[in-house]
Amino acid sequence: MNLPQAVNHKMLLDWLCGNTDRSGQLVLQRGKEILAEAFERVVQILDALLNSPYEKIIITDRDGNIIFINEAYAGILGRDRREVVGHHVLEILGQDTRMHIVGQTLKPELHSLFQTANRKTVARRIPLVSGDNVIGILGKDLFDNLDDFFTMAEKAKSARNLTVAGGWAKREFGHRARYGLDDIITADPHLQKIKETVSQAARTTSTILLQGETGVGKELFAHAIHRESNRARGPFVRVNCGAIPETLLESELFGYEEGAFTGARRGGKPGKFELADGGTIFLDEIGEISPVSQAKILRVLQEREIERVGGTATLPVDVRVVASTNRDLRLLAAEGKFRSDLFYRLNVVPVTIPALRERPGDIPLLAAHFVNKYNQAFGLGIKKVSDGALRRFRRYRWPGNVRELESVIEAAMNLVRDGETILSEFPHLSATEKEPYPEPATLKEALDAREAETVLAALESSGWDMEEAARTLDISLASLYRKINKHNLR
């Protein structure tokens, strides 16, 4: 009997039922050959997929130990793939990776922002499941870098529309947080503790109220909260409540239906809360809004739904609210100028950001940061701010806080003619110097001023290591803390 060219169901059934003649043996042999060919083809396909130069792929076990990495991924890390296998993913990709976490939660993360090898990209982390067994965690970079992602988003922006509550509204891209906690520059222990608190609170969905003077960096914290949260892949929508006229604020926040008022756009328009659905809305300067708008925001916080201007239907929204103010909302509520029920809804996680004058040790760090920023913007090569200028900065009260410091540095860099150092001439600072420290009028005031300067110098020179500063000053640690509080040096 000749070897059959193909094995049909009847031939296999005959063999399985005990047909052991030569025909059955030939059927078995052909079946093995077919299975071997199919297996080889599957292996070739998997090899082509896993080792494609266009796909960056890494696979770990549930505990985060690397069991496979392709040449493309190893190449961007600058590592030999044979050296990488067997190591824990934290050793190879750094602390930003979440593959080992996905191995424990088994919850896929489909569009995570991820940084490694000096590049930022969008990554996908997926559990590989076979039956009831988890056989590994697949990691795959969706883009070579974020520029590719934004290019794709721009192309999609011009082509994509969304249906919103029966009408058509153009989707707004670009609602994203630009800053993370690492962008908040500080060596101050108190502010570092605030950053830790914010990082922890960001992982929940609770409302956060950011309080502090104008210019302390409340918006940076709002961006960082969104970036640290589980909503980081969703939109981040900022609303400056103090800059929008009261007559327009309601339609801006909640949107409107077609025909709601004269000049209303055909098809209506979604409000900021709708655009922030699935993400975070940042209500900046919320202390400036009227009682009518306060009542509507309270309803959103309580019911998680909005009603467009001119509409009758309620629309559910899933948003995390971060609000900020430079006013004392508790005092305003006690005076009847702000709804107390809204205050309590906003004040779930209160975060008070200290003024710049309360953390003078951050001034040299921030000054260096702004010098570097404007060197890049202006194409300059200025290296530092002089010691004399920094001493003047420490004496100044900074009513405009970090924002004012940045403005002063930018103005000074425009005036530098020669050299690589910003000296102590600051006409811009002089023009805004409304709250300088007073010149000492008595011997006690002079001694106190000198003591404050000496203590601050010791703290800065030790990097705010309290024990080292106390040894330098030859005083006890308790005395040092008393002097810090006495002169308000934090």
Protein backbone atom coordinates (compact mmCIF):
# COMPACT_ATOMS: atom_id res chain seq x y z
CA MET A 1 0.00 0.00 0.00
CA ASN A 2 1.32 3.40 -0.94
CA LEU A 3 1.70 6.06 1.76
CA PRO A 4 -1.46 8.24 1.62
CA GLN A 5 -0.95 11.88 0.63
CA ALA A 6 -3.39 13.02 3.28
CA VAL A 7 -4.81 11.41 6.37
CA ASN A 8 -8.61 11.51 6.55
CA HIS A 9 -10.83 11.06 9.61
CA LYS A 10 -11.87 7.50 8.68
CA MET A 11 -8.26 6.28 8.38
CA LEU A 12 -7.37 7.75 11.78
CA LEU A 13 -10.53 6.29 13.33
CA ASP A 14 -9.68 2.83 11.98
CA TRP A 15 -6.26 3.03 13.55
CA LEU A 16 -7.60 4.28 16.89
CA CYS A 17 -10.11 1.40 16.96
CA GLY A 18 -7.32 -1.18 16.83
CA ASN A 19 -6.55 -1.57 13.15
CA THR A 20 -2.90 -2.56 13.37
CA ASP A 21 -2.32 -3.82 9.83
CA ARG A 22 0.30 -2.20 7.61
CA SER A 23 -2.20 0.37 6.41
CA GLY A 24 -2.76 1.49 10.00
CA GLN A 25 0.97 1.72 10.63
CA LEU A 26 1.38 3.89 7.54
CA VAL A 27 -1.46 6.13 8.72
CA LEU A 28 0.29 6.54 12.08
CA GLN A 29 3.59 7.34 10.41
CA ARG A 30 1.99 9.97 8.17
CA GLY A 31 0.16 11.46 11.14
CA LYS A 32 3.45 11.87 13.00
CA GLU A 33 5.00 13.55 9.97
CA ILE A 34 2.07 15.97 9.70
CA LEU A 35 2.29 16.83 13.40
CA ALA A 36 6.06 17.38 13.13
CA GLU A 37 5.58 19.68 10.13
CA ALA A 38 2.83 21.63 11.91
CA PHE A 39 4.93 21.96 15.06
CA GLU A 40 7.92 23.22 13.07
CA ARG A 41 5.68 25.77 11.31
CA VAL A 42 4.28 27.00 14.65
CA VAL A 43 7.83 27.33 16.04
CA GLN A 44 8.88 29.35 12.98
CA ILE A 45 5.88 31.65 13.33
CA LEU A 46 6.49 32.17 17.07
CA ASP A 47 10.17 32.80 16.46
CA ALA A 48 9.35 35.39 13.79
CA LEU A 49 6.84 37.10 16.10
CA LEU A 50 8.95 37.12 19.23
CA ASN A 51 12.18 38.14 17.51
CA SER A 52 10.77 40.71 15.12
CA PRO A 53 13.03 43.78 14.99
CA TYR A 54 9.85 45.92 15.09
CA GLU A 55 8.52 44.45 18.36
CA LYS A 56 10.08 45.06 21.77
CA ILE A 57 9.07 42.03 23.88
CA ILE A 58 9.99 40.78 27.34
CA ILE A 59 8.43 37.91 29.32
CA THR A 60 8.76 37.22 33.05
CA ASP A 61 7.38 34.64 35.44
CA ARG A 62 4.79 35.71 38.04
CA ASP A 63 7.54 36.77 40.46
CA GLY A 64 9.18 39.09 37.93
CA ASN A 65 12.13 36.91 36.91
CA ILE A 66 12.94 37.34 33.20
CA ILE A 67 12.44 34.17 31.17
CA PHE A 68 12.63 35.71 27.67
CA ILE A 69 13.69 38.96 26.05
CA ASN A 70 14.10 39.51 22.33
CA GLU A 71 17.02 41.18 20.58
CA ALA A 72 15.03 44.36 19.86
CA TYR A 73 14.25 44.95 23.55
CA ALA A 74 17.73 43.97 24.73
CA GLY A 75 19.15 46.35 22.13
CA ILE A 76 17.41 49.45 23.51
CA LEU A 77 18.66 48.47 26.97
CA GLY A 78 22.20 48.06 25.65
CA ARG A 79 22.36 44.55 27.13
CA ASP A 80 23.12 41.06 25.84
CA ARG A 81 19.88 39.08 26.00
CA ARG A 82 21.73 36.03 27.37
CA GLU A 83 22.95 38.05 30.35
CA VAL A 84 19.47 39.41 31.08
CA VAL A 85 17.53 36.13 31.31
CA GLY A 86 17.24 34.92 34.90
CA HIS A 87 17.55 38.38 36.48
CA HIS A 88 14.66 40.11 38.23
CA VAL A 89 12.91 42.71 36.13
CA LEU A 90 13.63 45.44 38.71
CA GLU A 91 17.38 44.92 38.20
CA ILE A 92 17.09 45.31 34.43
CA LEU A 93 14.28 47.83 33.86
CA GLY A 94 14.53 49.85 37.08
CA GLN A 95 11.96 50.91 39.65
CA ASP A 96 9.47 52.22 37.09
CA THR A 97 8.50 48.75 35.86
CA ARG A 98 5.26 47.12 37.03
CA MET A 99 5.60 43.66 35.45
CA HIS A 100 6.13 41.96 38.82
CA ILE A 101 3.09 43.82 40.18
CA VAL A 102 0.95 42.64 37.26
CA GLY A 103 2.22 39.13 38.11
CA GLN A 104 0.60 39.46 41.53
CA THR A 105 -2.59 41.34 40.63
CA LEU A 106 -3.10 39.57 37.26
CA LYS A 107 -4.72 42.78 36.06
CA PRO A 108 -3.51 43.77 32.58
CA GLU A 109 -2.11 47.28 32.13
CA LEU A 110 -2.71 48.09 28.50
CA HIS A 111 -1.42 51.64 28.06
CA SER A 112 1.07 52.45 30.83
CA LEU A 113 3.59 55.29 30.59
CA PHE A 114 7.01 53.76 31.14
CA GLN A 115 10.58 55.05 31.24
CA THR A 116 13.76 53.03 30.79
CA ALA A 117 17.11 53.43 29.07
CA ASN A 118 16.69 57.23 29.01
CA ARG A 119 13.50 57.08 26.95
CA LYS A 120 9.81 57.33 27.65
CA THR A 121 7.26 55.17 25.90
CA VAL A 122 3.84 53.56 26.23
CA ALA A 123 3.94 49.95 27.41
CA ARG A 124 1.55 47.01 27.69
CA ARG A 125 1.79 44.42 30.48
CA ILE A 126 -0.45 41.33 30.08
CA PRO A 127 -0.72 38.05 32.07
CA LEU A 128 -0.27 34.96 29.86
CA VAL A 129 -2.88 32.42 30.96
CA SER A 130 -3.22 28.79 29.85
CA GLY A 131 -6.31 27.18 31.32
CA ASP A 132 -6.10 27.89 35.05
CA ASN A 133 -2.35 28.47 35.01
CA VAL A 134 -0.49 31.75 34.69
CA ILE A 135 2.57 30.90 32.62
CA GLY A 136 4.13 34.35 32.49
CA ILE A 137 3.75 38.11 32.08
CA LEU A 138 4.19 39.62 28.63
CA GLY A 139 5.68 43.11 28.35
CA LYS A 140 5.56 44.96 25.05
CA ASP A 141 6.47 48.53 24.15
CA LEU A 142 3.84 50.02 21.85
CA PHE A 143 6.03 52.91 20.64
CA ASP A 144 9.75 53.50 20.28
CA ASN A 145 9.27 56.82 22.09
CA LEU A 146 6.54 59.26 23.08
CA ASP A 147 7.09 61.33 19.94
CA ASP A 148 5.63 58.44 17.94
CA PHE A 149 2.66 58.33 20.30
CA PHE A 150 1.94 62.05 19.96
CA THR A 151 2.31 61.85 16.18
CA MET A 152 -0.34 59.13 16.14
CA ALA A 153 -2.57 61.15 18.47
CA GLU A 154 -2.34 64.19 16.22
CA LYS A 155 -3.35 62.10 13.21
CA ALA A 156 -6.27 60.63 15.15
CA LYS A 157 -7.30 64.08 16.36
CA SER A 158 -8.12 65.26 12.86
CA ALA A 159 -10.14 62.15 11.99
CA ARG A 160 -11.99 61.04 15.10
CA ASN A 161 -15.37 62.17 16.44
CA LEU A 162 -17.20 60.95 19.49
CA THR A 163 -20.91 60.56 20.16
CA VAL A 164 -21.77 62.38 23.39
CA ALA A 165 -25.31 62.15 24.75
CA GLY A 166 -26.91 61.94 21.31
CA GLY A 167 -24.88 64.74 19.74
CA TRP A 168 -21.47 64.84 18.05
CA ALA A 169 -18.52 66.48 19.70
CA LYS A 170 -14.97 66.57 18.48
CA ARG A 171 -12.70 64.71 20.86
CA GLU A 172 -10.10 66.90 22.52
CA PHE A 173 -6.63 65.37 22.69
CA GLY A 174 -3.81 67.01 24.57
CA HIS A 175 -5.53 66.74 27.97
CA ARG A 176 -2.56 65.20 29.70
CA ALA A 177 -0.49 65.85 32.79
CA ARG A 178 2.96 67.22 31.96
CA TYR A 179 4.65 67.06 35.37
CA GLY A 180 5.42 64.34 37.89
CA LEU A 181 6.56 64.40 41.51
CA ASP A 182 10.20 64.38 40.33
CA ASP A 183 9.57 67.77 38.70
CA ILE A 184 8.84 69.27 42.15
CA ILE A 185 12.34 70.31 43.22
CA THR A 186 13.01 70.39 46.94
CA ALA A 187 15.46 69.43 49.67
CA ASP A 188 13.08 70.60 52.38
CA PRO A 189 12.08 67.71 54.70
CA HIS A 190 8.56 69.10 55.19
CA LEU A 191 7.87 69.40 51.46
CA GLN A 192 9.38 65.96 50.84
CA LYS A 193 6.93 64.57 53.39
CA ILE A 194 4.10 66.31 51.53
CA LYS A 195 5.26 64.66 48.29
CA GLU A 196 5.11 61.26 50.00
CA THR A 197 1.59 61.99 51.26
CA VAL A 198 0.47 63.09 47.80
CA SER A 199 1.97 59.98 46.19
CA GLN A 200 0.02 57.77 48.59
CA ALA A 201 -3.26 59.70 48.29
CA ALA A 202 -3.01 59.77 44.48
CA ARG A 203 -3.64 56.03 44.34
CA THR A 204 -7.19 56.45 45.64
CA THR A 205 -10.10 58.35 44.06
CA SER A 206 -10.63 60.75 46.99
CA THR A 207 -10.94 64.48 46.33
CA ILE A 208 -7.76 66.42 47.14
CA LEU A 209 -7.68 70.10 48.12
CA LEU A 210 -4.39 71.88 47.43
CA GLN A 211 -3.90 75.01 49.54
CA GLY A 212 -1.16 77.60 49.45
CA GLU A 213 -0.18 81.06 48.34
CA THR A 214 -0.09 82.07 44.69
CA GLY A 215 2.98 80.70 42.94
CA VAL A 216 3.89 77.87 45.35
CA GLY A 217 3.31 75.15 42.74
CA LYS A 218 -0.23 73.92 43.30
CA GLU A 219 -0.70 73.13 39.62
CA LEU A 220 2.49 71.04 39.54
CA PHE A 221 1.08 68.97 42.39
CA ALA A 222 -2.23 68.55 40.52
CA HIS A 223 -0.37 67.24 37.45
CA ALA A 224 1.68 64.90 39.65
CA ILE A 225 -1.41 63.54 41.40
CA HIS A 226 -2.89 62.55 38.05
CA ARG A 227 0.40 61.02 36.87
CA GLU A 228 0.71 58.98 40.10
CA SER A 229 -2.89 57.74 40.01
CA ASN A 230 -4.53 54.73 38.37
CA ARG A 231 -6.16 57.27 36.03
CA ALA A 232 -2.87 58.34 34.49
CA ARG A 233 -3.94 56.95 31.11
CA GLY A 234 -7.13 59.07 31.20
CA PRO A 235 -7.50 62.80 30.47
CA PHE A 236 -6.24 65.56 32.75
CA VAL A 237 -8.45 68.64 32.35
CA ARG A 238 -7.57 71.97 33.98
CA VAL A 239 -10.15 74.67 34.66
CA ASN A 240 -9.11 78.10 35.98
CA CYS A 241 -12.29 78.97 37.84
CA GLY A 242 -11.11 82.50 38.57
CA ALA A 243 -10.44 83.33 34.90
CA ILE A 244 -13.83 82.31 33.44
CA PRO A 245 -16.69 84.84 33.70
CA GLU A 246 -19.51 83.62 35.93
CA THR A 247 -21.97 83.77 33.01
CA LEU A 248 -19.84 81.25 31.09
CA LEU A 249 -18.56 79.07 33.92
CA GLU A 250 -21.60 76.77 34.09
CA SER A 251 -21.57 75.96 30.36
CA GLU A 252 -17.78 75.49 30.47
CA LEU A 253 -17.99 73.04 33.34
CA PHE A 254 -21.14 71.13 32.40
CA GLY A 255 -21.59 71.76 28.66
CA TYR A 256 -24.79 72.74 26.87
CA GLU A 257 -27.39 71.32 24.50
CA GLU A 258 -28.14 72.66 21.04
CA GLY A 259 -30.36 75.75 21.26
CA ALA A 260 -29.67 76.27 24.98
CA PHE A 261 -28.93 79.94 24.30
CA THR A 262 -28.28 82.32 21.43
CA GLY A 263 -25.06 81.34 19.68
CA ALA A 264 -25.02 77.80 21.06
CA ARG A 265 -23.10 75.42 18.82
CA ARG A 266 -25.14 73.02 16.69
CA GLY A 267 -25.20 69.64 18.36
CA GLY A 268 -24.28 71.18 21.71
CA LYS A 269 -20.91 70.99 23.44
CA PRO A 270 -19.52 68.76 26.18
CA GLY A 271 -18.31 70.45 29.34
CA LYS A 272 -15.02 70.00 31.15
CA PHE A 273 -16.45 67.32 33.43
CA GLU A 274 -17.46 65.22 30.42
CA LEU A 275 -14.05 65.69 28.81
CA ALA A 276 -12.42 64.55 32.05
CA ASP A 277 -14.51 61.35 32.23
CA GLY A 278 -12.24 58.48 33.23
CA GLY A 279 -9.52 60.89 34.35
CA THR A 280 -8.93 63.91 36.58
CA ILE A 281 -10.36 67.43 36.59
CA PHE A 282 -8.31 70.17 38.25
CA LEU A 283 -10.46 73.04 39.54
CA ASP A 284 -7.91 75.80 40.02
CA GLU A 285 -8.83 78.74 42.31
CA ILE A 286 -12.12 77.14 43.31
CA GLY A 287 -12.57 79.74 46.03
CA GLU A 288 -13.52 82.28 43.35
CA ILE A 289 -16.74 80.62 42.10
CA SER A 290 -20.26 81.81 42.91
CA PRO A 291 -22.74 80.02 45.22
CA VAL A 292 -24.74 78.84 42.16
CA SER A 293 -21.74 77.08 40.64
CA GLN A 294 -20.74 75.79 44.07
CA ALA A 295 -24.10 74.00 44.33
CA LYS A 296 -23.66 72.36 40.93
CA ILE A 297 -20.14 71.17 41.73
CA LEU A 298 -21.41 69.78 45.03
CA ARG A 299 -23.95 67.71 43.11
CA VAL A 300 -21.22 66.26 40.89
CA LEU A 301 -19.19 65.26 43.94
CA GLN A 302 -22.21 63.70 45.64
CA GLU A 303 -24.08 62.08 42.72
CA ARG A 304 -21.29 61.66 40.14
CA GLU A 305 -23.55 63.02 37.41
CA ILE A 306 -23.99 66.29 35.52
CA GLU A 307 -26.76 68.00 33.58
CA ARG A 308 -25.94 70.13 30.57
CA VAL A 309 -27.23 73.68 30.30
CA GLY A 310 -30.56 73.52 28.48
CA GLY A 311 -30.75 69.75 28.92
CA THR A 312 -33.10 67.48 30.87
CA ALA A 313 -31.11 64.25 30.99
CA THR A 314 -28.45 63.53 33.59
CA LEU A 315 -25.14 62.14 32.41
CA PRO A 316 -22.97 59.96 34.66
CA VAL A 317 -19.32 61.03 34.93
CA ASP A 318 -16.38 59.18 36.43
CA VAL A 319 -13.92 61.90 37.43
CA ARG A 320 -11.41 62.45 40.19
CA VAL A 321 -11.54 66.04 41.47
CA VAL A 322 -8.42 67.94 42.53
CA ALA A 323 -9.12 71.51 43.62
CA SER A 324 -6.81 74.35 44.61
CA THR A 325 -7.14 77.69 46.32
CA ASN A 326 -5.01 80.47 47.79
CA ARG A 327 -7.85 81.45 50.12
CA ASP A 328 -8.84 80.08 53.53
CA LEU A 329 -11.98 78.13 52.57
CA ARG A 330 -12.66 77.12 56.17
CA LEU A 331 -12.78 80.80 57.17
CA LEU A 332 -14.92 81.69 54.14
CA ALA A 333 -17.33 78.88 55.02
CA ALA A 334 -17.55 80.13 58.61
CA GLU A 335 -18.34 83.63 57.29
CA GLY A 336 -21.02 82.26 54.95
CA LYS A 337 -19.05 83.17 51.81
CA PHE A 338 -18.44 79.58 50.72
CA ARG A 339 -20.76 76.59 51.06
CA SER A 340 -19.69 74.59 54.11
CA ASP A 341 -21.06 71.33 52.63
CA LEU A 342 -18.93 71.83 49.51
CA PHE A 343 -15.91 72.67 51.66
CA TYR A 344 -16.22 69.38 53.53
CA ARG A 345 -16.57 67.50 50.23
CA LEU A 346 -13.44 69.15 48.87
CA ASN A 347 -11.41 68.90 52.07
CA VAL A 348 -11.19 65.08 52.13
CA VAL A 349 -7.42 65.09 51.64
CA PRO A 350 -6.12 68.61 52.43
CA VAL A 351 -2.58 69.42 51.29
CA THR A 352 -1.00 72.73 52.30
CA ILE A 353 2.07 73.65 50.26
CA PRO A 354 4.54 75.88 52.15
CA ALA A 355 5.58 79.27 50.81
CA LEU A 356 9.09 79.68 49.41
CA ARG A 357 10.16 81.88 52.34
CA GLU A 358 9.38 78.92 54.65
CA ARG A 359 11.88 76.71 52.82
CA PRO A 360 14.87 78.94 51.99
CA GLY A 361 17.09 75.89 51.52
CA ASP A 362 15.25 75.25 48.23
CA ILE A 363 16.18 78.65 46.75
CA PRO A 364 19.65 77.62 45.42
CA LEU A 365 18.20 74.42 43.93
CA LEU A 366 15.35 76.24 42.21
CA ALA A 367 17.63 79.03 41.00
CA ALA A 368 19.99 76.48 39.40
CA HIS A 369 17.01 74.73 37.80
CA PHE A 370 15.71 77.95 36.24
CA VAL A 371 19.17 78.92 35.03
CA ASN A 372 19.40 75.59 33.22
CA LYS A 373 15.87 75.98 31.84
CA TYR A 374 16.51 79.41 30.33
CA ASN A 375 20.00 78.46 29.15
CA GLN A 376 18.27 75.92 26.93
CA ALA A 377 15.52 78.34 25.91
CA PHE A 378 17.86 81.25 25.12
CA GLY A 379 20.93 79.33 23.95
CA LEU A 380 23.09 80.78 26.76
CA GLY A 381 25.94 79.31 28.79
CA ILE A 382 25.41 80.87 32.23
CA LYS A 383 26.65 78.48 34.88
CA LYS A 384 25.40 79.78 38.22
CA VAL A 385 23.96 82.49 40.44
CA SER A 386 26.57 84.29 42.55
CA ASP A 387 26.78 83.77 46.30
CA GLY A 388 25.90 87.44 46.81
CA ALA A 389 22.76 87.05 44.75
CA LEU A 390 21.75 83.95 46.70
CA ARG A 391 22.24 85.79 49.99
CA ARG A 392 19.90 88.50 48.74
CA PHE A 393 17.40 85.87 47.64
CA ARG A 394 17.36 84.41 51.16
CA ARG A 395 16.62 87.80 52.71
CA TYR A 396 13.72 88.47 50.34
CA ARG A 397 10.16 87.51 51.34
CA TRP A 398 9.07 86.22 47.88
CA PRO A 399 5.39 87.22 47.95
CA GLY A 400 5.07 85.59 44.49
CA ASN A 401 6.88 82.45 45.65
CA VAL A 402 8.48 80.08 43.11
CA ARG A 403 6.76 81.78 40.18
CA GLU A 404 8.35 85.10 41.19
CA LEU A 405 11.78 83.49 41.60
CA GLU A 406 11.53 82.08 38.08
CA SER A 407 10.57 85.51 36.73
CA VAL A 408 13.52 87.16 38.50
CA ILE A 409 15.98 84.57 37.13
CA GLU A 410 14.63 84.95 33.59
CA ALA A 411 14.89 88.75 33.79
CA ALA A 412 18.42 88.57 35.19
CA MET A 413 19.58 86.24 32.41
CA ASN A 414 18.41 88.77 29.86
CA LEU A 415 20.70 91.36 31.48
CA VAL A 416 23.91 89.32 31.74
CA ARG A 417 26.37 90.82 29.25
CA ASP A 418 29.61 89.00 29.94
CA GLY A 419 30.71 86.09 32.06
CA GLU A 420 29.01 82.94 33.24
CA THR A 421 27.58 84.11 36.56
CA ILE A 422 24.44 86.01 37.53
CA LEU A 423 25.55 88.73 39.93
CA SER A 424 23.49 90.56 42.54
CA GLU A 425 21.96 93.24 40.32
CA PHE A 426 18.22 92.58 40.12
CA PRO A 427 16.19 95.63 39.03
CA HIS A 428 13.19 93.35 38.54
CA LEU A 429 13.50 92.13 42.13
CA SER A 430 13.84 95.67 43.44
CA ALA A 431 10.65 96.69 41.67
CA THR A 432 8.71 93.90 43.36
CA GLU A 433 10.39 94.05 46.75
CA LYS A 434 7.28 94.95 48.74
CA GLU A 435 7.88 92.73 51.76
CA PRO A 436 11.62 92.62 52.49
CA TYR A 437 12.87 91.50 55.86
CA PRO A 438 13.10 94.67 57.99
CA GLU A 439 16.51 96.14 58.70
CA PRO A 440 17.39 95.55 62.38
CA ALA A 441 16.57 98.55 64.57
CA THR A 442 17.87 97.22 67.89
CA LEU A 443 20.84 95.16 69.07
CA LYS A 444 18.55 92.19 69.79
CA GLU A 445 17.10 92.31 66.28
CA ALA A 446 20.61 92.53 64.80
CA LEU A 447 21.77 89.52 66.86
CA ASP A 448 18.66 87.55 65.92
CA ALA A 449 19.22 88.29 62.23
CA ARG A 450 22.86 87.20 62.46
CA GLU A 451 21.88 84.04 64.36
CA ALA A 452 19.30 83.15 61.71
CA GLU A 453 21.88 83.64 58.96
CA THR A 454 24.44 81.45 60.75
CA VAL A 455 21.98 78.64 61.46
CA LEU A 456 20.72 78.71 57.87
CA ALA A 457 24.28 78.57 56.51
CA ALA A 458 25.04 75.51 58.67
CA LEU A 459 21.85 73.79 57.54
CA GLU A 460 22.52 74.44 53.86
CA SER A 461 26.14 73.40 54.08
CA SER A 462 25.08 70.07 55.67
CA GLY A 463 22.31 69.49 53.16
CA TRP A 464 19.82 69.95 56.01
CA ASP A 465 21.33 67.05 57.96
CA MET A 466 20.21 68.18 61.44
CA GLU A 467 22.82 66.25 63.41
CA GLU A 468 25.70 67.50 61.27
CA ALA A 469 24.42 71.10 61.42
CA ALA A 470 24.12 70.88 65.22
CA ARG A 471 27.73 69.63 65.45
CA THR A 472 28.91 72.49 63.20
CA LEU A 473 27.13 75.05 65.40
CA ASP A 474 28.29 73.26 68.59
CA ILE A 475 24.75 73.11 70.00
CA SER A 476 22.37 70.30 70.90
CA LEU A 477 19.88 68.90 68.40
CA ALA A 478 16.99 70.21 70.54
CA SER A 479 18.52 73.72 70.50
CA LEU A 480 18.85 73.58 66.74
CA TYR A 481 15.18 72.70 66.31
CA ARG A 482 14.21 75.57 68.64
CA LYS A 483 16.25 78.04 66.59
CA ILE A 484 14.76 76.74 63.33
CA ASN A 485 11.27 77.32 64.70
CA LYS A 486 12.23 80.66 66.25
CA HIS A 487 13.48 82.06 62.94
CA ASN A 488 10.92 80.25 60.77
CA LEU A 489 13.67 78.67 58.67
CA ARG A 490 11.65 75.73 57.30
